[in-house]
Amino acid sequence: MAAPNPKRKCRRYSTDYLKLGFVPSLTNETSPMCLLCEKVFSNDAMKPSKMKVHIERVHPDKKDKDIMFFTALKDKLESQMGKISFFPPPAPSHNEKQLKASYNISLIIAKSGKSYSIAEEIIVPSVKEIIDNVMNKDSSSVLKGLHLTSDAVQKNIDEMAVDVEKTLVSELQHSRFSIQFDESMCGGENILMGYVRYFSQLHKCIIDEFLFAKYLKIDAKGENIFRCLDEYLREHNIPLSNITAVSIDGPLFTLNRYRKLSSLLKESIPDVRTIQCVLHRQHLVSKRLGEELNESLEVCIRSIIRIKEYTWNSRLLVMLCEGNDQTLNKLLLHTELRWLSRGNILQRLVELYDSTVNFLKDVDPYLSQQLITCKNHLFYLADLHSHLHDVQTRLQGRDITIIQVRTLVLGFQIKLGLFKSSLARRDFQYSPNLQQLANEGDKILSDDDLEIYMAHLEKLYEDFNERFEDLEKIQIPDWIVAPFGITTGNASDYDLQEEVIHMSVDLEARSLYKSNSTRSFWTNVNIVNKYPKLFEKVLPFLLAFPSSCIIDESFIQVNTLQTREGSKMNIEQCGELRLKFTNLTPNINAILKQHQAPPLQ
């Protein structure tokens, strides 16, 4: 007896049907669609005989056309539909999956900064252990297709880096971007590195990307830097006029070498803005302490080094602190390279002051007495550098903009006047360490000490005003930082007023502004699409690099690579450096299509 509801057979599309003018439907691949009339039929029509009947009856003039005619029709329809293929991609073979896994593992290795040999030494044995003992399968067939030798990993990394660079170049060719330069001696070679910041049309957000690393063969003057930049942009067909700002690093005495770079850029791009790293400028300001405060700082540094230079001294201090029931028991090492953490270093010395003085009495009595003499100055410097450290920490964020930097730096400059007036009234609400001294007795903090501190704050204010004069001169339109709290007349550009008016009554935009930072708000897809003129006006302020913390990380990685690989490492051709810091994802599927994986040796 036949089943009451026999299972209906579902016919599958064959590529041979293209000769008859049929392709699978976009919505259902089991339904055929005629390329000539674009009519979709049921699965029952998925037969050559029925397709042929349709062509002969409905399109008799096309029944003798060859496959090239229908292929051209299919390609035209695909382009009109956004290049959506009618044919489902073939399932990847076992070997393709293994090769893709090899690339993904190589990408993980590049991101971690580990040696390429880690794949053979750790990853492959770990995979074998999991497959054999956890999955209870034979691992030989899987491991045979993995390309994870040191040479294979390097090859995979270099190919993915080339793909990432192609993606970056394609976006920079049609995007405005800012660029940041820095150069340093690494392994006896003078290396120039460049980073770019741009609004990615692909990801609809602002992205920081590593651009290049070049060996400077002559010197690090502006002409050479400009030549390296110009050669790279010309090689990749990136218009020089796309640059909106150039950021440089280093103290003031190094700026002369960058002046030629700035002038050469301005010849091609009159509106380009040159920005010096704010972190270095703030560090230079904080170093100008005056003779007495500087001597006190030297005493504090010598005290720390005297204890930290010998492991035995550090252990004895730990035991002394534990005996005094102190929570913290170790001093922080001070070096000139760790100037960003000077506030933490001095604050730790304040917290362990009594234990440090008592310990030095036995180790170095003269230094101990000097530390007692400069106690007040130490507590003042710890308070001041704690404030500076807080500002420096907030200036190091990857997403920070020149708008935020201007607010932080100029705001701190105004605070210096507040600190000074508070000390004049013996109000130590902004100086907790000095407040601690004041609580010990009125005579602990003399008027002479306070005069020194107020004079230093006054000098600090003047230095800030001099070094950050360019930040104060930057004219930032009110509607950028407060788009809903201004009148339309404040939009100086007449072309912008219409969009400012529309935004002022846009409830959706107002809600976005309340829940996002200035950068996130202006780069939101809805804002970019609805207010393109305003976005183009804001973009240069969002793209400028205010600090060098990003490029400094790259130089640290360069030193790591040169230590690991030695003289054979060519920084210019090192794909790992790009993959380590990229925000872009390499298109591994496209790489796999370019070539077949070579057989394992």
Foldseek 3Di string as FASTA:
>chain_A
DDDPDDDDDQDAADPVCLQLQWFADPVGRSWIAHLPVRDTHDNVCRDSVSSLVCCCPPPVVCSPPGSVVSVVSQCVVCVVVVNDHRDDDDDDDLLVVQALVLLVVLLVCLQVLDQLQCCVVPVLVVVCCCCCPVVVDHCPVSSQSHDRHNVSSQVSLLLLLVLVLLVVLVQLQPWAKAKEWDWDQFPNFIKIWMWIWTQGPVVLAIFIATNFIDTQPPDQALVSVLVVVVVSCVVSVRDLQSYAEYEYEDDPVPCNRNVVNVVVSCVVHVRYYYAYAPLVLLLVLLQPQDDVLNVLVVLLLVLLCLQVVDPVSLVVQQVLCVVVVHPDRGADHDDPVVSLCVLVRLVVCLSCVVSSLVSCCVVPVVSSVSNVVCVLSSLLSSLVVVLVSVLSVVLQDPQDFLVVNLCSLVVVLVVLVVCLVCLVVVNCPSRVSVVVQVVVDVVSQDPVNSVSVSVSSVSSSVSSCVSCVVSVPDDDQPCLQPLQPDDLVSPVDPVQSVVSVVLNPDPVLVVLPVVDHSSCSLSPPVNCVSRVVVSVVCVSRSNDRNHCNLVVVLVVSVNSVCVVPPPVDDRRSRSSSRSNPGPDGRPSVVVCVVDPDDRDD
